[in-house]
């Protein structure tokens, strides 16, 4: 399975300290072609960080509620944890994502 920048996926997230887990959305940032991918979590709770990006067209992206991408909480996840693909960010939302990523990683 090849993932694309800006894809919205639903992931099974296991709890570390207790049994069980939850299903959560995430945005694909990088798929290098192996069994893992780099993602940013999605939350419906607005935060105050300059690295929380509101998704303007969240319905088109396949999300149920207004949501934010947490750019400063990147993680590497196994593709096997993907429950299903929800959709993709629109071009304006994807462009905003690329801009904030560039700002975050400027040397």
Protein backbone atom coordinates (compact mmCIF):
# COMPACT_ATOMS: atom_id res chain seq x y z
CA UNK A 1 0.00 0.00 0.00
CA UNK A 2 1.45 3.37 -1.03
CA UNK A 3 0.29 6.42 0.91
CA UNK A 4 0.35 10.03 -0.30
CA UNK A 5 1.07 13.31 1.47
CA UNK A 6 -2.17 14.68 2.88
CA UNK A 7 -4.08 11.40 3.02
CA UNK A 8 -6.31 11.06 6.06
CA UNK A 9 -6.21 7.60 7.62
CA UNK A 10 -7.94 6.02 10.58
CA UNK A 11 -5.50 4.20 12.89
CA UNK A 12 -5.81 1.75 15.73
CA UNK A 13 -3.79 3.27 18.59
CA UNK A 14 -2.95 0.87 21.42
CA UNK A 15 -2.62 2.09 24.99
CA UNK A 16 0.76 1.42 26.58
CA UNK A 17 -0.14 1.26 30.26
CA UNK A 18 -3.52 -0.49 30.12
CA UNK A 19 -5.17 -2.98 27.80
CA UNK A 20 -7.11 -1.70 24.82
CA UNK A 21 -6.88 1.20 22.47
CA UNK A 22 -8.77 3.74 20.37
CA UNK A 23 -9.23 4.52 16.72
CA UNK A 24 -7.85 7.94 15.76
CA UNK A 25 -7.35 9.90 12.52
CA UNK A 26 -3.92 10.99 11.30
CA UNK A 27 -2.47 12.81 8.29
CA UNK A 28 0.13 11.06 6.17
CA UNK A 29 3.31 13.12 5.79
CA UNK A 30 5.75 10.62 4.27
CA UNK A 31 5.66 7.08 2.92
CA UNK A 32 9.17 5.94 1.98
CA UNK A 33 7.86 2.66 0.60
CA UNK A 34 8.45 0.32 3.54
CA UNK A 35 6.09 -0.95 6.26
CA UNK A 36 5.92 2.33 8.19
CA UNK A 37 4.95 5.93 7.48
CA UNK A 38 5.35 9.33 9.11
CA UNK A 39 2.12 10.90 10.34
CA UNK A 40 0.75 13.83 12.27
CA UNK A 41 -2.16 13.23 14.64
CA UNK A 42 -5.52 14.90 14.16
CA UNK A 43 -7.56 16.23 17.07
CA UNK A 44 -10.90 17.96 17.45
CA UNK A 45 -9.63 19.92 20.45
CA UNK A 46 -8.16 23.29 19.54
CA UNK A 47 -4.76 24.00 21.09
CA UNK A 48 -2.72 27.15 21.46
CA UNK A 49 0.45 26.00 19.70
CA UNK A 50 1.65 27.75 16.57
CA UNK A 51 2.07 24.23 15.13
CA UNK A 52 -1.60 23.24 15.34
CA UNK A 53 -3.11 23.65 11.89
CA UNK A 54 -6.89 23.92 11.50
CA UNK A 55 -8.25 21.83 8.64
CA UNK A 56 -10.45 24.27 6.74
CA UNK A 57 -12.23 21.70 4.58
CA UNK A 58 -12.51 18.92 7.15
CA UNK A 59 -15.70 17.39 5.70
CA UNK A 60 -14.07 16.92 2.29
CA UNK A 61 -11.09 15.32 4.06
CA UNK A 62 -13.43 12.66 5.46
CA UNK A 63 -13.55 13.90 9.04
CA UNK A 64 -16.74 14.09 11.14
CA UNK A 65 -15.97 17.26 13.09
CA UNK A 66 -13.81 20.39 12.76
CA UNK A 67 -10.25 19.23 13.33
CA UNK A 68 -6.64 20.32 13.75
CA UNK A 69 -3.36 18.74 12.59
CA UNK A 70 -0.79 18.62 15.41
CA UNK A 71 2.41 19.29 13.45
CA UNK A 72 4.67 19.16 16.52
CA UNK A 73 3.51 15.64 17.47
CA UNK A 74 4.87 13.67 14.50
CA UNK A 75 5.21 9.92 14.78
CA UNK A 76 6.25 6.86 12.78
CA UNK A 77 3.47 4.28 12.56
CA UNK A 78 3.09 0.84 10.99
CA UNK A 79 0.87 0.65 7.93
CA UNK A 80 -0.64 -2.48 9.47
CA UNK A 81 -2.34 -0.19 12.04
CA UNK A 82 -4.45 1.53 9.39
CA UNK A 83 -8.11 0.62 9.79
CA UNK A 84 -9.13 2.49 6.62
CA UNK A 85 -8.54 5.56 4.50
CA UNK A 86 -10.94 8.41 5.20
CA UNK A 87 -10.02 10.84 2.42
CA UNK A 88 -7.44 13.49 1.58
CA UNK A 89 -6.76 17.10 2.41
CA UNK A 90 -7.83 19.58 -0.25
CA UNK A 91 -5.10 21.42 -2.11
CA UNK A 92 -5.38 24.59 0.06
CA UNK A 93 -5.18 22.54 3.28
CA UNK A 94 -2.28 20.47 1.90
CA UNK A 95 -0.44 23.65 0.87
CA UNK A 96 -0.92 25.10 4.37
CA UNK A 97 0.43 21.83 5.82
CA UNK A 98 3.55 22.00 3.64
CA UNK A 99 4.12 25.64 4.64
CA UNK A 100 3.90 24.95 8.37
CA UNK A 101 6.16 21.88 8.02
CA UNK A 102 8.74 24.01 6.21
CA UNK A 103 8.56 26.63 8.97
CA UNK A 104 8.87 23.97 11.69
CA UNK A 105 11.99 22.42 10.15
CA UNK A 106 13.78 25.55 8.99
CA UNK A 107 17.39 25.45 10.09
